[in-house]
Amino acid sequence: MVEEGVKSRDPIFRDIRRYYCEYCGICRSKKTLIAAHIQAQHAEELKEKELNEENDNGEKLNKCEECGLSFSKPAHLKQHMQSHSLEVNFALIF
């Protein structure tokens, strides 16, 4: 029984979200905390994973021959290539 002077308080809201580090399994309640943990503790593994995903994805890498940037869509590469071009296309309206 609850004494008269002491009141029992139930938590109003309990955050039950759990985010786990894919490298070491550490658990945090916020996604930003896990992202910061991965950046700080597993930077090398993260870089390796990104490189492997680019190569193993099976998609064509749309790579700029001038500066080496790669794009997931050919349209993005085409738009980027215009930044290297000396020729500027203007539409004249009269």
PDB file of N, CA and C in Angstrom:
ATOM      1  N   MET A   1       0.832  -1.185   0.000  1.00  0.00           N
ATOM      2  CA  MET A   1       0.000   0.000   0.000  1.00  0.00           C
ATOM      3  C   MET A   1       0.872   1.242   0.000  1.00  0.00           C
ATOM      4  N   VAL A   2       0.345   2.260  -0.543  1.00  0.00           N
ATOM      5  CA  VAL A   2       1.049   3.533  -0.635  1.00  0.00           C
ATOM      6  C   VAL A   2       0.751   4.338   0.615  1.00  0.00           C
ATOM      7  N   GLU A   3       1.844   4.836   1.213  1.00  0.00           N
ATOM      8  CA  GLU A   3       1.659   5.664   2.406  1.00  0.00           C
ATOM      9  C   GLU A   3       1.052   6.987   2.005  1.00  0.00           C
ATOM     10  N   GLU A   4       0.465   7.653   2.989  1.00  0.00           N
ATOM     11  CA  GLU A   4      -0.243   8.884   2.695  1.00  0.00           C
ATOM     12  C   GLU A   4       0.684   9.991   2.196  1.00  0.00           C
ATOM     13  N   GLY A   5       1.895  10.115   2.727  1.00  0.00           N
ATOM     14  CA  GLY A   5       2.817  11.180   2.359  1.00  0.00           C
ATOM     15  C   GLY A   5       3.604  10.880   1.098  1.00  0.00           C
ATOM     16  N   VAL A   6       3.707   9.609   0.703  1.00  0.00           N
ATOM     17  CA  VAL A   6       4.492   9.229  -0.463  1.00  0.00           C
ATOM     18  C   VAL A   6       3.544   8.811  -1.578  1.00  0.00           C
ATOM     19  N   LYS A   7       3.692   9.459  -2.707  1.00  0.00           N
ATOM     20  CA  LYS A   7       2.838   9.124  -3.846  1.00  0.00           C
ATOM     21  C   LYS A   7       3.649   8.329  -4.852  1.00  0.00           C
ATOM     22  N   SER A   8       3.049   7.328  -5.413  1.00  0.00           N
ATOM     23  CA  SER A   8       3.697   6.518  -6.427  1.00  0.00           C
ATOM     24  C   SER A   8       3.504   7.195  -7.776  1.00  0.00           C
ATOM     25  N   ARG A   9       4.622   7.415  -8.466  1.00  0.00           N
ATOM     26  CA  ARG A   9       4.543   8.054  -9.781  1.00  0.00           C
ATOM     27  C   ARG A   9       4.946   7.063 -10.849  1.00  0.00           C
ATOM     28  N   ASP A  10       4.084   6.885 -11.805  1.00  0.00           N
ATOM     29  CA  ASP A  10       4.418   6.100 -12.986  1.00  0.00           C
ATOM     30  C   ASP A  10       4.968   7.067 -14.020  1.00  0.00           C
ATOM     31  N   PRO A  11       5.935   6.606 -14.794  1.00  0.00           N
ATOM     32  CA  PRO A  11       6.438   7.508 -15.832  1.00  0.00           C
ATOM     33  C   PRO A  11       5.324   7.851 -16.817  1.00  0.00           C
ATOM     34  N   ILE A  12       5.262   9.114 -17.184  1.00  0.00           N
ATOM     35  CA  ILE A  12       4.238   9.551 -18.116  1.00  0.00           C
ATOM     36  C   ILE A  12       4.531   8.991 -19.504  1.00  0.00           C
ATOM     37  N   PHE A  13       5.791   9.075 -19.903  1.00  0.00           N
ATOM     38  CA  PHE A  13       6.180   8.582 -21.218  1.00  0.00           C
ATOM     39  C   PHE A  13       7.546   7.944 -21.093  1.00  0.00           C
ATOM     40  N   ARG A  14       7.662   6.769 -21.623  1.00  0.00           N
ATOM     41  CA  ARG A  14       8.950   6.095 -21.602  1.00  0.00           C
ATOM     42  C   ARG A  14       9.349   5.802 -23.041  1.00  0.00           C
ATOM     43  N   ASP A  15      10.495   6.331 -23.424  1.00  0.00           N
ATOM     44  CA  ASP A  15      10.974   6.138 -24.784  1.00  0.00           C
ATOM     45  C   ASP A  15      11.502   4.717 -24.912  1.00  0.00           C
ATOM     46  N   ILE A  16      10.855   3.916 -25.739  1.00  0.00           N
ATOM     47  CA  ILE A  16      11.246   2.511 -25.873  1.00  0.00           C
ATOM     48  C   ILE A  16      12.058   2.261 -27.133  1.00  0.00           C
ATOM     49  N   ARG A  17      12.408   3.343 -27.855  1.00  0.00           N
ATOM     50  CA  ARG A  17      13.210   3.164 -29.061  1.00  0.00           C
ATOM     51  C   ARG A  17      14.614   2.751 -28.678  1.00  0.00           C
ATOM     52  N   ARG A  18      15.155   1.834 -29.400  1.00  0.00           N
ATOM     53  CA  ARG A  18      16.527   1.393 -29.173  1.00  0.00           C
ATOM     54  C   ARG A  18      17.242   1.328 -30.508  1.00  0.00           C
ATOM     55  N   TYR A  19      18.405   1.943 -30.575  1.00  0.00           N
ATOM     56  CA  TYR A  19      19.227   1.933 -31.778  1.00  0.00           C
ATOM     57  C   TYR A  19      20.540   1.246 -31.448  1.00  0.00           C
ATOM     58  N   TYR A  20      20.954   0.326 -32.302  1.00  0.00           N
ATOM     59  CA  TYR A  20      22.148  -0.461 -32.057  1.00  0.00           C
ATOM     60  C   TYR A  20      23.228  -0.139 -33.085  1.00  0.00           C
ATOM     61  N   CYS A  21      24.462  -0.119 -32.619  1.00  0.00           N
ATOM     62  CA  CYS A  21      25.604   0.052 -33.506  1.00  0.00           C
ATOM     63  C   CYS A  21      25.798  -1.247 -34.275  1.00  0.00           C
ATOM     64  N   GLU A  22      25.897  -1.145 -35.607  1.00  0.00           N
ATOM     65  CA  GLU A  22      26.052  -2.343 -36.428  1.00  0.00           C
ATOM     66  C   GLU A  22      27.451  -2.937 -36.337  1.00  0.00           C
ATOM     67  N   TYR A  23      28.388  -2.199 -35.765  1.00  0.00           N
ATOM     68  CA  TYR A  23      29.766  -2.678 -35.665  1.00  0.00           C
ATOM     69  C   TYR A  23      30.070  -3.337 -34.324  1.00  0.00           C
ATOM     70  N   CYS A  24      29.605  -2.729 -33.220  1.00  0.00           N
ATOM     71  CA  CYS A  24      29.961  -3.290 -31.905  1.00  0.00           C
ATOM     72  C   CYS A  24      28.748  -3.657 -31.065  1.00  0.00           C
ATOM     73  N   GLY A  25      27.545  -3.288 -31.496  1.00  0.00           N
ATOM     74  CA  GLY A  25      26.340  -3.690 -30.787  1.00  0.00           C
ATOM     75  C   GLY A  25      25.921  -2.786 -29.646  1.00  0.00           C
ATOM     76  N   ILE A  26      26.602  -1.677 -29.421  1.00  0.00           N
ATOM     77  CA  ILE A  26      26.242  -0.780 -28.340  1.00  0.00           C
ATOM     78  C   ILE A  26      24.844  -0.216 -28.593  1.00  0.00           C
ATOM     79  N   CYS A  27      24.078  -0.005 -27.552  1.00  0.00           N
ATOM     80  CA  CYS A  27      22.690   0.419 -27.672  1.00  0.00           C
ATOM     81  C   CYS A  27      22.536   1.846 -27.147  1.00  0.00           C
ATOM     82  N   ARG A  28      21.787   2.664 -27.893  1.00  0.00           N
ATOM     83  CA  ARG A  28      21.486   4.027 -27.476  1.00  0.00           C
ATOM     84  C   ARG A  28      20.013   4.308 -27.754  1.00  0.00           C
ATOM     85  N   SER A  29      19.479   5.297 -27.057  1.00  0.00           N
ATOM     86  CA  SER A  29      18.061   5.613 -27.203  1.00  0.00           C
ATOM     87  C   SER A  29      17.775   6.590 -28.332  1.00  0.00           C
ATOM     88  N   LYS A  30      18.816   7.259 -28.844  1.00  0.00           N
ATOM     89  CA  LYS A  30      18.604   8.220 -29.918  1.00  0.00           C
ATOM     90  C   LYS A  30      19.470   7.878 -31.116  1.00  0.00           C
ATOM     91  N   LYS A  31      18.900   8.063 -32.294  1.00  0.00           N
ATOM     92  CA  LYS A  31      19.600   7.752 -33.529  1.00  0.00           C
ATOM     93  C   LYS A  31      20.827   8.649 -33.707  1.00  0.00           C
ATOM     94  N   THR A  32      20.733   9.897 -33.267  1.00  0.00           N
ATOM     95  CA  THR A  32      21.863  10.817 -33.392  1.00  0.00           C
ATOM     96  C   THR A  32      23.038  10.380 -32.533  1.00  0.00           C
ATOM     97  N   LEU A  33      22.755   9.779 -31.382  1.00  0.00           N
ATOM     98  CA  LEU A  33      23.831   9.296 -30.521  1.00  0.00           C
ATOM     99  C   LEU A  33      24.571   8.134 -31.175  1.00  0.00           C
ATOM    100  N   ILE A  34      23.845   7.252 -31.837  1.00  0.00           N
ATOM    101  CA  ILE A  34      24.483   6.140 -32.536  1.00  0.00           C
ATOM    102  C   ILE A  34      25.288   6.665 -33.722  1.00  0.00           C
ATOM    103  N   ALA A  35      24.741   7.642 -34.450  1.00  0.00           N
ATOM    104  CA  ALA A  35      25.469   8.211 -35.591  1.00  0.00           C
ATOM    105  C   ALA A  35      26.776   8.851 -35.128  1.00  0.00           C
ATOM    106  N   ALA A  36      26.734   9.577 -34.016  1.00  0.00           N
ATOM    107  CA  ALA A  36      27.946  10.201 -33.484  1.00  0.00           C
ATOM    108  C   ALA A  36      28.940   9.141 -33.018  1.00  0.00           C
ATOM    109  N   HIS A  37      28.443   8.075 -32.401  1.00  0.00           N
ATOM    110  CA  HIS A  37      29.296   6.979 -31.944  1.00  0.00           C
ATOM    111  C   HIS A  37      30.007   6.330 -33.129  1.00  0.00           C
ATOM    112  N   ILE A  38      29.267   6.068 -34.196  1.00  0.00           N
ATOM    113  CA  ILE A  38      29.855   5.422 -35.373  1.00  0.00           C
ATOM    114  C   ILE A  38      30.916   6.319 -35.996  1.00  0.00           C
ATOM    115  N   GLN A  39      30.628   7.617 -36.108  1.00  0.00           N
ATOM    116  CA  GLN A  39      31.601   8.549 -36.672  1.00  0.00           C
ATOM    117  C   GLN A  39      32.870   8.605 -35.828  1.00  0.00           C
ATOM    118  N   ALA A  40      32.728   8.560 -34.522  1.00  0.00           N
ATOM    119  CA  ALA A  40      33.888   8.690 -33.635  1.00  0.00           C
ATOM    120  C   ALA A  40      34.663   7.380 -33.486  1.00  0.00           C
ATOM    121  N   GLN A  41      33.964   6.271 -33.348  1.00  0.00           N
ATOM    122  CA  GLN A  41      34.609   5.012 -33.009  1.00  0.00           C
ATOM    123  C   GLN A  41      34.873   4.094 -34.201  1.00  0.00           C
ATOM    124  N   HIS A  42      34.086   4.205 -35.232  1.00  0.00           N
ATOM    125  CA  HIS A  42      34.177   3.249 -36.344  1.00  0.00           C
ATOM    126  C   HIS A  42      34.354   3.949 -37.696  1.00  0.00           C
ATOM    127  N   ALA A  43      35.126   5.016 -37.721  1.00  0.00           N
ATOM    128  CA  ALA A  43      35.300   5.793 -38.957  1.00  0.00           C
ATOM    129  C   ALA A  43      35.914   4.952 -40.075  1.00  0.00           C
ATOM    130  N   GLU A  44      36.914   4.143 -39.739  1.00  0.00           N
ATOM    131  CA  GLU A  44      37.571   3.320 -40.764  1.00  0.00           C
ATOM    132  C   GLU A  44      36.616   2.287 -41.358  1.00  0.00           C
ATOM    133  N   GLU A  45      35.865   1.611 -40.489  1.00  0.00           N
ATOM    134  CA  GLU A  45      34.916   0.613 -40.969  1.00  0.00           C
ATOM    135  C   GLU A  45      33.840   1.263 -41.840  1.00  0.00           C
ATOM    136  N   LEU A  46      33.427   2.481 -41.463  1.00  0.00           N
ATOM    137  CA  LEU A  46      32.406   3.189 -42.219  1.00  0.00           C
ATOM    138  C   LEU A  46      32.911   3.527 -43.624  1.00  0.00           C
ATOM    139  N   LYS A  47      34.154   3.978 -43.741  1.00  0.00           N
ATOM    140  CA  LYS A  47      34.728   4.297 -45.050  1.00  0.00           C
ATOM    141  C   LYS A  47      34.823   3.042 -45.921  1.00  0.00           C
ATOM    142  N   GLU A  48      35.268   1.938 -45.320  1.00  0.00           N
ATOM    143  CA  GLU A  48      35.375   0.683 -46.069  1.00  0.00           C
ATOM    144  C   GLU A  48      34.006   0.224 -46.568  1.00  0.00           C
ATOM    145  N   LYS A  49      33.004   0.359 -45.711  1.00  0.00           N
ATOM    146  CA  LYS A  49      31.660  -0.059 -46.083  1.00  0.00           C
ATOM    147  C   LYS A  49      31.135   0.780 -47.249  1.00  0.00           C
ATOM    148  N   GLU A  50      31.372   2.093 -47.203  1.00  0.00           N
ATOM    149  CA  GLU A  50      30.916   2.963 -48.283  1.00  0.00           C
ATOM    150  C   GLU A  50      31.603   2.615 -49.602  1.00  0.00           C
ATOM    151  N   LEU A  51      32.886   2.326 -49.556  1.00  0.00           N
ATOM    152  CA  LEU A  51      33.608   1.943 -50.771  1.00  0.00           C
ATOM    153  C   LEU A  51      33.081   0.632 -51.332  1.00  0.00           C
ATOM    154  N   ASN A  52      32.828  -0.339 -50.449  1.00  0.00           N
ATOM    155  CA  ASN A  52      32.308  -1.633 -50.889  1.00  0.00           C
ATOM    156  C   ASN A  52      30.917  -1.503 -51.485  1.00  0.00           C
ATOM    157  N   GLU A  53      30.079  -0.635 -50.902  1.00  0.00           N
ATOM    158  CA  GLU A  53      28.724  -0.467 -51.428  1.00  0.00           C
ATOM    159  C   GLU A  53      28.753   0.141 -52.822  1.00  0.00           C
ATOM    160  N   GLU A  54      29.672   1.085 -53.045  1.00  0.00           N
ATOM    161  CA  GLU A  54      29.768   1.689 -54.378  1.00  0.00           C
ATOM    162  C   GLU A  54      30.188   0.650 -55.412  1.00  0.00           C
ATOM    163  N   ASN A  55      31.128  -0.214 -55.071  1.00  0.00           N
ATOM    164  CA  ASN A  55      31.650  -1.190 -56.025  1.00  0.00           C
ATOM    165  C   ASN A  55      30.751  -2.410 -56.163  1.00  0.00           C
ATOM    166  N   ASP A  56      30.105  -2.838 -55.101  1.00  0.00           N
ATOM    167  CA  ASP A  56      29.304  -4.057 -55.118  1.00  0.00           C
ATOM    168  C   ASP A  56      27.847  -3.812 -55.504  1.00  0.00           C
ATOM    169  N   ASN A  57      27.478  -2.585 -55.680  1.00  0.00           N
ATOM    170  CA  ASN A  57      26.086  -2.263 -55.938  1.00  0.00           C
ATOM    171  C   ASN A  57      25.614  -2.780 -57.282  1.00  0.00           C
ATOM    172  N   GLY A  58      26.518  -3.008 -58.213  1.00  0.00           N
ATOM    173  CA  GLY A  58      26.148  -3.512 -59.513  1.00  0.00           C
ATOM    174  C   GLY A  58      25.684  -2.440 -60.469  1.00  0.00           C
ATOM    175  N   GLU A  59      25.568  -1.219 -59.984  1.00  0.00           N
ATOM    176  CA  GLU A  59      25.146  -0.130 -60.847  1.00  0.00           C
ATOM    177  C   GLU A  59      26.353   0.493 -61.514  1.00  0.00           C
ATOM    178  N   LYS A  60      26.103   1.134 -62.650  1.00  0.00           N
ATOM    179  CA  LYS A  60      27.162   1.865 -63.318  1.00  0.00           C
ATOM    180  C   LYS A  60      27.499   3.086 -62.490  1.00  0.00           C
ATOM    181  N   LEU A  61      28.789   3.323 -62.334  1.00  0.00           N
ATOM    182  CA  LEU A  61      29.185   4.561 -61.693  1.00  0.00           C
ATOM    183  C   LEU A  61      29.323   5.615 -62.774  1.00  0.00           C
ATOM    184  N   ASN A  62      28.590   6.667 -62.637  1.00  0.00           N
ATOM    185  CA  ASN A  62      28.649   7.767 -63.586  1.00  0.00           C
ATOM    186  C   ASN A  62      29.718   8.717 -63.073  1.00  0.00           C
ATOM    187  N   LYS A  63      30.919   8.539 -63.604  1.00  0.00           N
ATOM    188  CA  LYS A  63      32.072   9.239 -63.078  1.00  0.00           C
ATOM    189  C   LYS A  63      32.517  10.346 -64.023  1.00  0.00           C
ATOM    190  N   CYS A  64      32.814  11.502 -63.438  1.00  0.00           N
ATOM    191  CA  CYS A  64      33.311  12.630 -64.211  1.00  0.00           C
ATOM    192  C   CYS A  64      34.770  12.365 -64.568  1.00  0.00           C
ATOM    193  N   GLU A  65      35.075  12.475 -65.850  1.00  0.00           N
ATOM    194  CA  GLU A  65      36.443  12.212 -66.309  1.00  0.00           C
ATOM    195  C   GLU A  65      37.390  13.348 -65.961  1.00  0.00           C
ATOM    196  N   GLU A  66      36.832  14.534 -65.696  1.00  0.00           N
ATOM    197  CA  GLU A  66      37.680  15.693 -65.409  1.00  0.00           C
ATOM    198  C   GLU A  66      38.118  15.751 -63.949  1.00  0.00           C
ATOM    199  N   CYS A  67      37.186  15.529 -63.020  1.00  0.00           N
ATOM    200  CA  CYS A  67      37.533  15.689 -61.603  1.00  0.00           C
ATOM    201  C   CYS A  67      37.357  14.417 -60.771  1.00  0.00           C
ATOM    202  N   GLY A  68      36.733  13.376 -61.326  1.00  0.00           N
ATOM    203  CA  GLY A  68      36.624  12.112 -60.629  1.00  0.00           C
ATOM    204  C   GLY A  68      35.388  11.946 -59.766  1.00  0.00           C
ATOM    205  N   LEU A  69      34.514  12.939 -59.699  1.00  0.00           N
ATOM    206  CA  LEU A  69      33.282  12.790 -58.923  1.00  0.00           C
ATOM    207  C   LEU A  69      32.394  11.734 -59.563  1.00  0.00           C
ATOM    208  N   SER A  70      31.690  10.972 -58.735  1.00  0.00           N
ATOM    209  CA  SER A  70      30.771   9.984 -59.287  1.00  0.00           C
ATOM    210  C   SER A  70      29.352  10.304 -58.851  1.00  0.00           C
ATOM    211  N   PHE A  71      28.415   9.972 -59.711  1.00  0.00           N
ATOM    212  CA  PHE A  71      27.013  10.275 -59.481  1.00  0.00           C
ATOM    213  C   PHE A  71      26.183   9.023 -59.696  1.00  0.00           C
ATOM    214  N   SER A  72      25.074   8.933 -58.978  1.00  0.00           N
ATOM    215  CA  SER A  72      24.225   7.749 -59.098  1.00  0.00           C
ATOM    216  C   SER A  72      23.355   7.798 -60.345  1.00  0.00           C
ATOM    217  N   LYS A  73      23.087   8.998 -60.845  1.00  0.00           N
ATOM    218  CA  LYS A  73      22.234   9.127 -62.029  1.00  0.00           C
ATOM    219  C   LYS A  73      22.992   9.832 -63.146  1.00  0.00           C
ATOM    220  N   PRO A  74      22.817   9.380 -64.373  1.00  0.00           N
ATOM    221  CA  PRO A  74      23.493  10.015 -65.500  1.00  0.00           C
ATOM    222  C   PRO A  74      23.106  11.486 -65.669  1.00  0.00           C
ATOM    223  N   ALA A  75      21.875  11.823 -65.341  1.00  0.00           N
ATOM    224  CA  ALA A  75      21.431  13.212 -65.480  1.00  0.00           C
ATOM    225  C   ALA A  75      22.218  14.132 -64.555  1.00  0.00           C
ATOM    226  N   HIS A  76      22.551  13.627 -63.372  1.00  0.00           N
ATOM    227  CA  HIS A  76      23.339  14.428 -62.438  1.00  0.00           C
ATOM    228  C   HIS A  76      24.750  14.650 -62.976  1.00  0.00           C
ATOM    229  N   LEU A  77      25.302  13.630 -63.611  1.00  0.00           N
ATOM    230  CA  LEU A  77      26.628  13.772 -64.215  1.00  0.00           C
ATOM    231  C   LEU A  77      26.585  14.790 -65.355  1.00  0.00           C
ATOM    232  N   LYS A  78      25.544  14.713 -66.162  1.00  0.00           N
ATOM    233  CA  LYS A  78      25.421  15.640 -67.288  1.00  0.00           C
ATOM    234  C   LYS A  78      25.334  17.082 -66.791  1.00  0.00           C
ATOM    235  N   GLN A  79      24.563  17.283 -65.738  1.00  0.00           N
ATOM    236  CA  GLN A  79      24.433  18.612 -65.158  1.00  0.00           C
ATOM    237  C   GLN A  79      25.781  19.077 -64.594  1.00  0.00           C
ATOM    238  N   HIS A  80      26.489  18.184 -63.955  1.00  0.00           N
ATOM    239  CA  HIS A  80      27.801  18.504 -63.391  1.00  0.00           C
ATOM    240  C   HIS A  80      28.798  18.853 -64.490  1.00  0.00           C
ATOM    241  N   MET A  81      28.752  18.141 -65.598  1.00  0.00           N
ATOM    242  CA  MET A  81      29.697  18.369 -66.686  1.00  0.00           C
ATOM    243  C   MET A  81      29.566  19.783 -67.261  1.00  0.00           C
ATOM    244  N   GLN A  82      28.394  20.365 -67.145  1.00  0.00           N
ATOM    245  CA  GLN A  82      28.211  21.735 -67.613  1.00  0.00           C
ATOM    246  C   GLN A  82      29.043  22.716 -66.799  1.00  0.00           C
ATOM    247  N   SER A  83      29.355  22.374 -65.558  1.00  0.00           N
ATOM    248  CA  SER A  83      30.176  23.267 -64.742  1.00  0.00           C
ATOM    249  C   SER A  83      31.623  23.284 -65.233  1.00  0.00           C
ATOM    250  N   HIS A  84      32.052  22.232 -65.920  1.00  0.00           N
ATOM    251  CA  HIS A  84      33.399  22.182 -66.473  1.00  0.00           C
ATOM    252  C   HIS A  84      33.468  22.862 -67.856  1.00  0.00           C
ATOM    253  N   SER A  85      32.334  22.997 -68.478  1.00  0.00           N
ATOM    254  CA  SER A  85      32.289  23.519 -69.840  1.00  0.00           C
ATOM    255  C   SER A  85      32.489  25.033 -69.846  1.00  0.00           C
ATOM    256  N   LEU A  86      33.205  25.511 -70.836  1.00  0.00           N
ATOM    257  CA  LEU A  86      33.394  26.947 -70.989  1.00  0.00           C
ATOM    258  C   LEU A  86      32.199  27.573 -71.695  1.00  0.00           C
ATOM    259  N   GLU A  87      31.461  26.728 -72.395  1.00  0.00           N
ATOM    260  CA  GLU A  87      30.325  27.197 -73.158  1.00  0.00           C
ATOM    261  C   GLU A  87      29.108  27.283 -72.246  1.00  0.00           C
ATOM    262  N   VAL A  88      28.435  28.420 -72.296  1.00  0.00           N
ATOM    263  CA  VAL A  88      27.255  28.629 -71.475  1.00  0.00           C
ATOM    264  C   VAL A  88      26.053  28.743 -72.396  1.00  0.00           C
ATOM    265  N   ASN A  89      25.032  27.964 -72.107  1.00  0.00           N
ATOM    266  CA  ASN A  89      23.831  27.976 -72.949  1.00  0.00           C
ATOM    267  C   ASN A  89      22.814  28.946 -72.359  1.00  0.00           C
ATOM    268  N   PHE A  90      22.462  29.959 -73.128  1.00  0.00           N
ATOM    269  CA  PHE A  90      21.435  30.901 -72.682  1.00  0.00           C
ATOM    270  C   PHE A  90      20.296  30.865 -73.678  1.00  0.00           C
ATOM    271  N   ALA A  91      19.111  30.918 -73.163  1.00  0.00           N
ATOM    272  CA  ALA A  91      17.949  31.006 -74.028  1.00  0.00           C
ATOM    273  C   ALA A  91      17.552  32.467 -74.107  1.00  0.00           C
ATOM    274  N   LEU A  92      17.569  33.002 -75.298  1.00  0.00           N
ATOM    275  CA  LEU A  92      17.212  34.399 -75.499  1.00  0.00           C
ATOM    276  C   LEU A  92      15.729  34.494 -75.844  1.00  0.00           C
ATOM    277  N   ILE A  93      15.032  35.325 -75.111  1.00  0.00           N
ATOM    278  CA  ILE A  93      13.592  35.480 -75.338  1.00  0.00           C
ATOM    279  C   ILE A  93      13.355  36.906 -75.820  1.00  0.00           C
ATOM    280  N   PHE A  94      12.757  37.038 -77.004  1.00  0.00           N
ATOM    281  CA  PHE A  94      12.418  38.355 -77.558  1.00  0.00           C
ATOM    282  C   PHE A  94      10.957  38.500 -77.708  1.00  0.00           C
TER     283      PHE A  94
END
